[in-house]
Amino acid sequence: MKSEEIRSLFHKFEEVAGDLEGVECWSARDLQMLLGYSKWENFEKVITKAKDACKNAEEQIEYHFPDVRKTIPMPKGAEKEIDDLLLTRYACYLIAQNGDSRKVEIAFAQNYFAVQTRRAELVEQRLLENERLKAREKLSQTEKQLSGVLYERGVDNQGFAIIRSKGDQALFHLTTQMLKRKMDVPVNRPVADFLPTISIKAKDLAAEMTGLNVQTKDLQGQSKIEKEHIDNNLAVRNMLTNRGIIPENLPPAEDVKKLQRKLNSDEKKVLKGTKRKPNNGKNKDQ
């Protein structure tokens, strides 16, 4: 495909793009012509395949392929309403993937929409990674506060470690050592550094509940507080299992320390790329 042809197609795809409530979208009727389909009936078959792919990916068809009506001009100034669909960028990507790859327009669209969809996936992945890091940091803060509350009530650092371990056993139905072996966590590392986000938040919720109830009930001594923490972790576990989530069966996540280093490295690359090169005091406009 020649560069002039690529630029022309790029301009055409950008020109017909619309916006609905902040979501970029395309008319299926416009896309039909852009992709080189002369008959709507033939293009509908491609759309059907794309919808099936959307469903298999567990995405909402109604969101990516909403039905609409479109008014088109007719001879002598008349107008006619026809069926149409609004397509998200992801929907367009699926249509391109299921189209006739022999068409130049389809080949272009497959790459055009794939690049943009990949960018969205990368942004979503980064947001999820940041959420996990924030959850881990929040858990550390909660446990630090809980340790302080317990220390005032006769529980030392060793006692707090035992209480926390008992809580993990109640939440995961495994001892900390067993959980580490199952998740391949280094012996000298906290298991929370390798837990998925939902498990980190589950531990945090149980710890928050313990901190609140210890103060509200004015609990004193390790045995009473230990029972309280076990009960709270069991309550959180029951909530998860009732929704079909078995904490100990969730796969381990990436080491948070490695994840933090990766995100920091990405940020440095972005910052480095945005720095302007010095012009040695010279101004091109001078």
C-alpha atoms as a PDB file:
ATOM      1  CA  MET A   1       0.000   0.000   0.000  1.00  0.00           C
ATOM      2  CA  LYS A   2       1.449   3.358  -1.070  1.00  0.00           C
ATOM      3  CA  SER A   3       1.964   6.153   1.458  1.00  0.00           C
ATOM      4  CA  GLU A   4      -0.452   8.429  -0.416  1.00  0.00           C
ATOM      5  CA  GLU A   5      -3.136   5.746  -0.198  1.00  0.00           C
ATOM      6  CA  ILE A   6      -2.498   5.278   3.533  1.00  0.00           C
ATOM      7  CA  ARG A   7      -2.752   9.022   4.194  1.00  0.00           C
ATOM      8  CA  SER A   8      -5.970   9.197   2.184  1.00  0.00           C
ATOM      9  CA  LEU A   9      -7.580   6.320   4.086  1.00  0.00           C
ATOM     10  CA  PHE A  10      -6.394   7.725   7.420  1.00  0.00           C
ATOM     11  CA  HIS A  11      -8.032  11.053   6.615  1.00  0.00           C
ATOM     12  CA  LYS A  12     -11.300   9.362   5.590  1.00  0.00           C
ATOM     13  CA  PHE A  13     -11.507   7.296   8.788  1.00  0.00           C
ATOM     14  CA  GLU A  14     -10.757  10.320  10.969  1.00  0.00           C
ATOM     15  CA  GLU A  15     -13.215  12.520   9.071  1.00  0.00           C
ATOM     16  CA  VAL A  16     -16.269  10.321   9.713  1.00  0.00           C
ATOM     17  CA  ALA A  17     -15.477   9.655  13.369  1.00  0.00           C
ATOM     18  CA  GLY A  18     -18.067  11.059  15.763  1.00  0.00           C
ATOM     19  CA  ASP A  19     -18.506  11.552  19.477  1.00  0.00           C
ATOM     20  CA  LEU A  20     -21.392  10.455  21.685  1.00  0.00           C
ATOM     21  CA  GLU A  21     -21.230  11.417  25.351  1.00  0.00           C
ATOM     22  CA  GLY A  22     -17.450  11.457  25.240  1.00  0.00           C
ATOM     23  CA  VAL A  23     -17.129   8.101  23.446  1.00  0.00           C
ATOM     24  CA  GLU A  24     -15.530   8.048  19.997  1.00  0.00           C
ATOM     25  CA  CYS A  25     -17.752   6.210  17.524  1.00  0.00           C
ATOM     26  CA  TRP A  26     -18.459   5.535  13.866  1.00  0.00           C
ATOM     27  CA  SER A  27     -21.673   5.013  11.893  1.00  0.00           C
ATOM     28  CA  ALA A  28     -21.910   1.466  10.549  1.00  0.00           C
ATOM     29  CA  ARG A  29     -23.320   2.857   7.297  1.00  0.00           C
ATOM     30  CA  ASP A  30     -20.285   5.144   6.916  1.00  0.00           C
ATOM     31  CA  LEU A  31     -17.903   2.341   7.827  1.00  0.00           C
ATOM     32  CA  GLN A  32     -19.561   0.079   5.263  1.00  0.00           C
ATOM     33  CA  MET A  33     -18.495   2.390   2.463  1.00  0.00           C
ATOM     34  CA  LEU A  34     -15.050   3.019   3.938  1.00  0.00           C
ATOM     35  CA  LEU A  35     -14.379  -0.727   4.076  1.00  0.00           C
ATOM     36  CA  GLY A  36     -15.388  -1.248   0.456  1.00  0.00           C
ATOM     37  CA  TYR A  37     -18.740  -3.037   0.935  1.00  0.00           C
ATOM     38  CA  SER A  38     -21.275  -1.936  -1.662  1.00  0.00           C
ATOM     39  CA  LYS A  39     -24.183  -3.932  -0.192  1.00  0.00           C
ATOM     40  CA  TRP A  40     -25.442  -3.448   3.367  1.00  0.00           C
ATOM     41  CA  GLU A  41     -26.590  -7.087   3.504  1.00  0.00           C
ATOM     42  CA  ASN A  42     -23.024  -8.307   3.017  1.00  0.00           C
ATOM     43  CA  PHE A  43     -21.676  -5.896   5.599  1.00  0.00           C
ATOM     44  CA  GLU A  44     -24.327  -7.012   8.116  1.00  0.00           C
ATOM     45  CA  LYS A  45     -22.849 -10.517   7.986  1.00  0.00           C
ATOM     46  CA  VAL A  46     -19.471  -9.120   9.015  1.00  0.00           C
ATOM     47  CA  ILE A  47     -21.119  -7.155  11.834  1.00  0.00           C
ATOM     48  CA  THR A  48     -22.794 -10.354  13.084  1.00  0.00           C
ATOM     49  CA  LYS A  49     -19.417 -12.102  13.259  1.00  0.00           C
ATOM     50  CA  ALA A  50     -17.953  -9.102  15.084  1.00  0.00           C
ATOM     51  CA  LYS A  51     -20.796  -9.210  17.617  1.00  0.00           C
ATOM     52  CA  ASP A  52     -20.096 -12.900  18.238  1.00  0.00           C
ATOM     53  CA  ALA A  53     -16.427 -12.083  18.856  1.00  0.00           C
ATOM     54  CA  CYS A  54     -17.479  -9.302  21.220  1.00  0.00           C
ATOM     55  CA  LYS A  55     -19.684 -11.695  23.168  1.00  0.00           C
ATOM     56  CA  ASN A  56     -16.926 -14.313  23.342  1.00  0.00           C
ATOM     57  CA  ALA A  57     -14.617 -11.650  24.786  1.00  0.00           C
ATOM     58  CA  GLU A  58     -17.269 -11.063  27.484  1.00  0.00           C
ATOM     59  CA  GLU A  59     -17.808  -7.467  26.369  1.00  0.00           C
ATOM     60  CA  GLN A  60     -21.249  -5.832  26.207  1.00  0.00           C
ATOM     61  CA  ILE A  61     -22.642  -5.929  22.675  1.00  0.00           C
ATOM     62  CA  GLU A  62     -25.219  -3.259  23.563  1.00  0.00           C
ATOM     63  CA  TYR A  63     -22.428  -0.837  24.485  1.00  0.00           C
ATOM     64  CA  HIS A  64     -20.191  -1.411  21.470  1.00  0.00           C
ATOM     65  CA  PHE A  65     -22.964  -1.933  18.825  1.00  0.00           C
ATOM     66  CA  PRO A  66     -26.011   0.179  19.838  1.00  0.00           C
ATOM     67  CA  ASP A  67     -28.847   0.279  17.280  1.00  0.00           C
ATOM     68  CA  VAL A  68     -29.831   3.705  15.901  1.00  0.00           C
ATOM     69  CA  ARG A  69     -31.784   5.164  13.000  1.00  0.00           C
ATOM     70  CA  LYS A  70     -30.218   7.295  10.292  1.00  0.00           C
ATOM     71  CA  THR A  71     -31.916   9.745   7.939  1.00  0.00           C
ATOM     72  CA  ILE A  72     -30.660   9.795   4.343  1.00  0.00           C
ATOM     73  CA  PRO A  73     -31.630  12.182   1.526  1.00  0.00           C
ATOM     74  CA  MET A  74     -33.860  10.950  -1.284  1.00  0.00           C
ATOM     75  CA  PRO A  75     -34.695  12.384  -4.718  1.00  0.00           C
ATOM     76  CA  LYS A  76     -36.784  15.579  -4.901  1.00  0.00           C
ATOM     77  CA  GLY A  77     -35.791  16.664  -1.383  1.00  0.00           C
ATOM     78  CA  ALA A  78     -37.399  13.701   0.368  1.00  0.00           C
ATOM     79  CA  GLU A  79     -35.805  11.862   3.306  1.00  0.00           C
ATOM     80  CA  LYS A  80     -35.815   8.257   4.455  1.00  0.00           C
ATOM     81  CA  GLU A  81     -34.948   6.593   7.764  1.00  0.00           C
ATOM     82  CA  ILE A  82     -32.794   3.462   7.652  1.00  0.00           C
ATOM     83  CA  ASP A  83     -31.317   1.113  10.267  1.00  0.00           C
ATOM     84  CA  ASP A  84     -27.838   1.920  11.469  1.00  0.00           C
ATOM     85  CA  LEU A  85     -25.479   1.167  14.369  1.00  0.00           C
ATOM     86  CA  LEU A  86     -23.055   3.312  16.307  1.00  0.00           C
ATOM     87  CA  LEU A  87     -19.744   1.502  16.620  1.00  0.00           C
ATOM     88  CA  THR A  88     -17.076   2.066  19.249  1.00  0.00           C
ATOM     89  CA  ARG A  89     -13.439   1.861  18.222  1.00  0.00           C
ATOM     90  CA  TYR A  90     -13.347  -1.657  19.673  1.00  0.00           C
ATOM     91  CA  ALA A  91     -16.399  -2.654  17.595  1.00  0.00           C
ATOM     92  CA  CYS A  92     -14.726  -1.270  14.466  1.00  0.00           C
ATOM     93  CA  TYR A  93     -11.612  -3.276  15.307  1.00  0.00           C
ATOM     94  CA  LEU A  94     -13.664  -6.487  15.561  1.00  0.00           C
ATOM     95  CA  ILE A  95     -15.428  -5.744  12.271  1.00  0.00           C
ATOM     96  CA  ALA A  96     -12.089  -5.173  10.543  1.00  0.00           C
ATOM     97  CA  GLN A  97     -10.781  -8.463  11.973  1.00  0.00           C
ATOM     98  CA  ASN A  98     -13.783 -10.316  10.547  1.00  0.00           C
ATOM     99  CA  GLY A  99     -13.849  -8.550   7.177  1.00  0.00           C
ATOM    100  CA  ASP A 100     -12.479  -9.620   3.802  1.00  0.00           C
ATOM    101  CA  SER A 101      -8.720  -9.222   4.294  1.00  0.00           C
ATOM    102  CA  ARG A 102      -8.240  -9.131   0.517  1.00  0.00           C
ATOM    103  CA  LYS A 103      -9.719  -5.641   0.516  1.00  0.00           C
ATOM    104  CA  VAL A 104      -7.132  -2.870   0.840  1.00  0.00           C
ATOM    105  CA  GLU A 105      -9.516  -0.945   3.079  1.00  0.00           C
ATOM    106  CA  ILE A 106      -9.901  -3.898   5.470  1.00  0.00           C
ATOM    107  CA  ALA A 107      -6.144  -4.384   5.707  1.00  0.00           C
ATOM    108  CA  PHE A 108      -5.744  -0.718   6.575  1.00  0.00           C
ATOM    109  CA  ALA A 109      -8.606  -0.780   9.109  1.00  0.00           C
ATOM    110  CA  GLN A 110      -7.220  -3.849  10.871  1.00  0.00           C
ATOM    111  CA  ASN A 111      -4.037  -1.946  11.646  1.00  0.00           C
ATOM    112  CA  TYR A 112      -5.667   1.450  12.190  1.00  0.00           C
ATOM    113  CA  PHE A 113      -8.087   0.229  14.843  1.00  0.00           C
ATOM    114  CA  ALA A 114      -5.661  -2.322  16.341  1.00  0.00           C
ATOM    115  CA  VAL A 115      -3.115   0.371  17.211  1.00  0.00           C
ATOM    116  CA  GLN A 116      -5.682   2.554  18.945  1.00  0.00           C
ATOM    117  CA  THR A 117      -7.289  -0.390  20.743  1.00  0.00           C
ATOM    118  CA  ARG A 118      -3.871  -1.515  21.980  1.00  0.00           C
ATOM    119  CA  ARG A 119      -3.264   1.961  23.408  1.00  0.00           C
ATOM    120  CA  ALA A 120      -6.529   1.766  25.326  1.00  0.00           C
ATOM    121  CA  GLU A 121      -5.570  -1.669  26.659  1.00  0.00           C
ATOM    122  CA  LEU A 122      -2.205  -0.333  27.844  1.00  0.00           C
ATOM    123  CA  VAL A 123      -3.865   2.581  29.636  1.00  0.00           C
ATOM    124  CA  GLU A 124      -6.353   0.238  31.293  1.00  0.00           C
ATOM    125  CA  GLN A 125      -3.553  -2.121  32.375  1.00  0.00           C
ATOM    126  CA  ARG A 126      -1.566   0.753  33.868  1.00  0.00           C
ATOM    127  CA  LEU A 127      -4.621   1.950  35.800  1.00  0.00           C
ATOM    128  CA  LEU A 128      -5.131  -1.548  37.221  1.00  0.00           C
ATOM    129  CA  GLU A 129      -1.467  -1.781  38.210  1.00  0.00           C
ATOM    130  CA  ASN A 130      -1.634   1.583  39.953  1.00  0.00           C
ATOM    131  CA  GLU A 131      -4.779   0.493  41.778  1.00  0.00           C
ATOM    132  CA  ARG A 132      -2.975  -2.581  43.088  1.00  0.00           C
ATOM    133  CA  LEU A 133      -0.009  -0.522  44.300  1.00  0.00           C
ATOM    134  CA  LYS A 134      -2.344   1.893  46.077  1.00  0.00           C
ATOM    135  CA  ALA A 135      -4.211  -1.022  47.680  1.00  0.00           C
ATOM    136  CA  ARG A 136      -0.910  -2.475  48.930  1.00  0.00           C
ATOM    137  CA  GLU A 137       0.154   0.883  50.354  1.00  0.00           C
ATOM    138  CA  LYS A 138      -3.230   1.291  52.030  1.00  0.00           C
ATOM    139  CA  LEU A 139      -2.918  -2.160  53.643  1.00  0.00           C
ATOM    140  CA  SER A 140       0.518  -1.240  55.025  1.00  0.00           C
ATOM    141  CA  GLN A 141      -0.933   1.940  56.541  1.00  0.00           C
ATOM    142  CA  THR A 142      -3.898   0.085  58.035  1.00  0.00           C
ATOM    143  CA  GLU A 143      -1.691  -2.595  59.586  1.00  0.00           C
ATOM    144  CA  LYS A 144       0.667   0.044  60.979  1.00  0.00           C
ATOM    145  CA  GLN A 145      -2.252   1.844  62.633  1.00  0.00           C
ATOM    146  CA  LEU A 146      -3.651  -1.458  63.930  1.00  0.00           C
ATOM    147  CA  SER A 147      -0.253  -2.370  65.379  1.00  0.00           C
ATOM    148  CA  GLY A 148      -0.235   0.926  67.279  1.00  0.00           C
ATOM    149  CA  VAL A 149      -3.737   0.362  68.651  1.00  0.00           C
ATOM    150  CA  LEU A 150      -2.845  -3.172  69.746  1.00  0.00           C
ATOM    151  CA  TYR A 151       0.413  -2.092  71.367  1.00  0.00           C
ATOM    152  CA  GLU A 152      -1.574   0.211  73.652  1.00  0.00           C
ATOM    153  CA  ARG A 153      -3.647  -2.821  74.666  1.00  0.00           C
ATOM    154  CA  GLY A 154      -0.843  -5.136  75.659  1.00  0.00           C
ATOM    155  CA  VAL A 155       0.099  -6.706  72.322  1.00  0.00           C
ATOM    156  CA  ASP A 156       3.783  -6.474  71.299  1.00  0.00           C
ATOM    157  CA  ASN A 157       5.239  -6.876  67.809  1.00  0.00           C
ATOM    158  CA  GLN A 158       5.495 -10.658  68.111  1.00  0.00           C
ATOM    159  CA  GLY A 159       1.901 -10.868  69.286  1.00  0.00           C
ATOM    160  CA  PHE A 160       0.761  -8.683  66.377  1.00  0.00           C
ATOM    161  CA  ALA A 161       2.584 -10.969  63.926  1.00  0.00           C
ATOM    162  CA  ILE A 162       0.753 -13.984  65.390  1.00  0.00           C
ATOM    163  CA  ILE A 163      -2.626 -12.201  65.199  1.00  0.00           C
ATOM    164  CA  ARG A 164      -2.009 -11.205  61.596  1.00  0.00           C
ATOM    165  CA  SER A 165      -0.985 -14.773  60.715  1.00  0.00           C
ATOM    166  CA  LYS A 166      -4.145 -16.160  62.353  1.00  0.00           C
ATOM    167  CA  GLY A 167      -6.171 -13.697  60.316  1.00  0.00           C
ATOM    168  CA  ASP A 168      -4.535 -14.868  57.082  1.00  0.00           C
ATOM    169  CA  GLN A 169      -5.311 -18.465  57.971  1.00  0.00           C
ATOM    170  CA  ALA A 170      -8.981 -17.561  58.517  1.00  0.00           C
ATOM    171  CA  LEU A 171      -9.156 -15.637  55.234  1.00  0.00           C
ATOM    172  CA  PHE A 172      -7.296 -18.118  53.024  1.00  0.00           C
ATOM    173  CA  HIS A 173      -7.883 -21.379  54.941  1.00  0.00           C
ATOM    174  CA  LEU A 174      -4.093 -21.867  54.738  1.00  0.00           C
ATOM    175  CA  THR A 175      -1.276 -20.990  57.083  1.00  0.00           C
ATOM    176  CA  THR A 176       0.991 -18.160  55.946  1.00  0.00           C
ATOM    177  CA  GLN A 177       3.757 -20.680  55.184  1.00  0.00           C
ATOM    178  CA  MET A 178       1.419 -22.884  53.150  1.00  0.00           C
ATOM    179  CA  LEU A 179       0.114 -19.860  51.235  1.00  0.00           C
ATOM    180  CA  LYS A 180       3.657 -18.727  50.468  1.00  0.00           C
ATOM    181  CA  ARG A 181       4.573 -22.149  49.132  1.00  0.00           C
ATOM    182  CA  LYS A 182       1.435 -22.305  47.015  1.00  0.00           C
ATOM    183  CA  MET A 183       2.087 -18.837  45.544  1.00  0.00           C
ATOM    184  CA  ASP A 184       5.869 -19.326  45.331  1.00  0.00           C
ATOM    185  CA  VAL A 185       6.511 -16.314  47.585  1.00  0.00           C
ATOM    186  CA  PRO A 186      10.079 -15.918  48.942  1.00  0.00           C
ATOM    187  CA  VAL A 187      10.295 -16.813  52.632  1.00  0.00           C
ATOM    188  CA  ASN A 188      11.535 -13.353  53.633  1.00  0.00           C
ATOM    189  CA  ARG A 189       8.807 -11.432  51.755  1.00  0.00           C
ATOM    190  CA  PRO A 190       5.277 -10.511  52.903  1.00  0.00           C
ATOM    191  CA  VAL A 191       2.638 -12.592  51.156  1.00  0.00           C
ATOM    192  CA  ALA A 192       0.632  -9.410  50.525  1.00  0.00           C
ATOM    193  CA  ASP A 193       3.290  -8.273  48.017  1.00  0.00           C
ATOM    194  CA  PHE A 194       2.172 -11.086  45.702  1.00  0.00           C
ATOM    195  CA  LEU A 195      -1.588 -11.065  46.261  1.00  0.00           C
ATOM    196  CA  PRO A 196      -4.045  -9.872  43.605  1.00  0.00           C
ATOM    197  CA  THR A 197      -5.793  -6.566  44.281  1.00  0.00           C
ATOM    198  CA  ILE A 198      -9.022  -8.078  45.607  1.00  0.00           C
ATOM    199  CA  SER A 199      -7.135 -10.188  48.180  1.00  0.00           C
ATOM    200  CA  ILE A 200      -5.134  -7.168  49.334  1.00  0.00           C
ATOM    201  CA  LYS A 201      -8.348  -5.205  49.787  1.00  0.00           C
ATOM    202  CA  ALA A 202      -9.920  -8.154  51.628  1.00  0.00           C
ATOM    203  CA  LYS A 203      -7.034  -8.187  54.121  1.00  0.00           C
ATOM    204  CA  ASP A 204      -7.302  -4.413  54.473  1.00  0.00           C
ATOM    205  CA  LEU A 205     -11.042  -4.541  55.166  1.00  0.00           C
ATOM    206  CA  ALA A 206     -10.613  -7.219  57.836  1.00  0.00           C
ATOM    207  CA  ALA A 207      -7.818  -5.218  59.485  1.00  0.00           C
ATOM    208  CA  GLU A 208      -9.939  -2.039  59.421  1.00  0.00           C
ATOM    209  CA  MET A 209     -12.800  -3.940  61.055  1.00  0.00           C
ATOM    210  CA  THR A 210     -10.486  -5.273  63.749  1.00  0.00           C
ATOM    211  CA  GLY A 211      -9.073  -1.831  64.486  1.00  0.00           C
ATOM    212  CA  LEU A 212     -12.545  -0.349  64.792  1.00  0.00           C
ATOM    213  CA  ASN A 213     -13.999  -3.146  66.933  1.00  0.00           C
ATOM    214  CA  VAL A 214     -10.998  -3.335  69.256  1.00  0.00           C
ATOM    215  CA  GLN A 215     -11.567   0.303  70.147  1.00  0.00           C
ATOM    216  CA  THR A 216     -15.375   0.206  70.114  1.00  0.00           C
ATOM    217  CA  LYS A 217     -15.543  -2.942  72.279  1.00  0.00           C
ATOM    218  CA  ASP A 218     -12.514  -1.849  74.339  1.00  0.00           C
ATOM    219  CA  LEU A 219     -10.817  -5.222  73.853  1.00  0.00           C
ATOM    220  CA  GLN A 220      -7.678  -5.896  75.908  1.00  0.00           C
ATOM    221  CA  GLY A 221      -5.026  -8.612  75.586  1.00  0.00           C
ATOM    222  CA  GLN A 222      -3.866 -10.820  72.741  1.00  0.00           C
ATOM    223  CA  SER A 223      -6.410 -13.647  73.023  1.00  0.00           C
ATOM    224  CA  LYS A 224      -9.523 -11.435  72.738  1.00  0.00           C
ATOM    225  CA  ILE A 225      -8.057  -9.370  69.927  1.00  0.00           C
ATOM    226  CA  GLU A 226      -6.891 -12.491  68.115  1.00  0.00           C
ATOM    227  CA  LYS A 227     -10.436 -13.906  68.170  1.00  0.00           C
ATOM    228  CA  GLU A 228     -11.814 -10.596  66.908  1.00  0.00           C
ATOM    229  CA  HIS A 229      -9.361 -10.549  63.989  1.00  0.00           C
ATOM    230  CA  ILE A 230     -10.112 -14.172  63.095  1.00  0.00           C
ATOM    231  CA  ASP A 231     -13.864 -13.492  63.141  1.00  0.00           C
ATOM    232  CA  ASN A 232     -13.451 -10.454  60.892  1.00  0.00           C
ATOM    233  CA  ASN A 233     -11.347 -12.366  58.356  1.00  0.00           C
ATOM    234  CA  LEU A 234     -13.894 -15.196  58.352  1.00  0.00           C
ATOM    235  CA  ALA A 235     -16.662 -12.650  57.709  1.00  0.00           C
ATOM    236  CA  VAL A 236     -14.748 -11.193  54.758  1.00  0.00           C
ATOM    237  CA  ARG A 237     -14.021 -14.697  53.434  1.00  0.00           C
ATOM    238  CA  ASN A 238     -17.719 -15.615  53.640  1.00  0.00           C
ATOM    239  CA  MET A 239     -18.615 -12.501  51.687  1.00  0.00           C
ATOM    240  CA  LEU A 240     -16.157 -13.449  48.941  1.00  0.00           C
ATOM    241  CA  THR A 241     -17.035 -17.150  48.772  1.00  0.00           C
ATOM    242  CA  ASN A 242     -20.742 -16.322  48.635  1.00  0.00           C
ATOM    243  CA  ARG A 243     -19.956 -14.504  45.393  1.00  0.00           C
ATOM    244  CA  GLY A 244     -17.928 -17.422  44.034  1.00  0.00           C
ATOM    245  CA  ILE A 245     -14.502 -15.961  44.896  1.00  0.00           C
ATOM    246  CA  ILE A 246     -12.187 -18.401  46.684  1.00  0.00           C
ATOM    247  CA  PRO A 247      -9.231 -16.326  47.972  1.00  0.00           C
ATOM    248  CA  GLU A 248      -6.672 -19.153  48.117  1.00  0.00           C
ATOM    249  CA  ASN A 249      -7.488 -20.209  44.545  1.00  0.00           C
ATOM    250  CA  LEU A 250      -6.797 -16.808  42.979  1.00  0.00           C
ATOM    251  CA  PRO A 251      -3.530 -16.742  40.992  1.00  0.00           C
ATOM    252  CA  PRO A 252      -0.614 -14.754  42.423  1.00  0.00           C
ATOM    253  CA  ALA A 253       0.117 -11.345  40.997  1.00  0.00           C
ATOM    254  CA  GLU A 254       3.393  -9.701  40.037  1.00  0.00           C
ATOM    255  CA  ASP A 255       5.728  -8.737  42.879  1.00  0.00           C
ATOM    256  CA  VAL A 256       4.701  -5.203  43.886  1.00  0.00           C
ATOM    257  CA  LYS A 257       8.343  -4.145  44.141  1.00  0.00           C
ATOM    258  CA  LYS A 258       9.018  -5.179  40.544  1.00  0.00           C
ATOM    259  CA  LEU A 259       5.755  -3.546  39.492  1.00  0.00           C
ATOM    260  CA  GLN A 260       6.698  -0.288  41.200  1.00  0.00           C
ATOM    261  CA  ARG A 261      10.127  -0.305  39.529  1.00  0.00           C
ATOM    262  CA  LYS A 262       8.523  -0.914  36.148  1.00  0.00           C
ATOM    263  CA  LEU A 263       6.050   1.953  36.550  1.00  0.00           C
ATOM    264  CA  ASN A 264       8.803   4.264  37.797  1.00  0.00           C
ATOM    265  CA  SER A 265      10.933   3.338  34.777  1.00  0.00           C
ATOM    266  CA  ASP A 266       8.031   4.044  32.418  1.00  0.00           C
ATOM    267  CA  GLU A 267       7.507   7.458  34.010  1.00  0.00           C
ATOM    268  CA  LYS A 268      11.190   8.332  33.642  1.00  0.00           C
ATOM    269  CA  LYS A 269      11.072   7.397  29.944  1.00  0.00           C
ATOM    270  CA  VAL A 270       8.032   9.622  29.421  1.00  0.00           C
ATOM    271  CA  LEU A 271       9.644  12.525  31.267  1.00  0.00           C
ATOM    272  CA  LYS A 272      12.878  12.062  29.364  1.00  0.00           C
ATOM    273  CA  GLY A 273      10.988  12.081  26.089  1.00  0.00           C
ATOM    274  CA  THR A 274       9.168  15.324  26.925  1.00  0.00           C
ATOM    275  CA  LYS A 275      12.309  17.270  27.830  1.00  0.00           C
ATOM    276  CA  ARG A 276      13.255  19.829  25.224  1.00  0.00           C
ATOM    277  CA  LYS A 277      16.755  19.830  23.865  1.00  0.00           C
ATOM    278  CA  PRO A 278      18.688  23.015  24.659  1.00  0.00           C
ATOM    279  CA  ASN A 279      19.141  25.362  21.738  1.00  0.00           C
ATOM    280  CA  ASN A 280      22.334  26.927  23.147  1.00  0.00           C
ATOM    281  CA  GLY A 281      20.582  30.237  23.526  1.00  0.00           C
ATOM    282  CA  LYS A 282      19.716  30.387  19.858  1.00  0.00           C
ATOM    283  CA  ASN A 283      16.204  31.042  18.640  1.00  0.00           C
ATOM    284  CA  LYS A 284      15.230  29.829  15.200  1.00  0.00           C
ATOM    285  CA  ASP A 285      12.924  32.811  14.810  1.00  0.00           C
ATOM    286  CA  GLN A 286      15.808  35.241  15.249  1.00  0.00           C
END
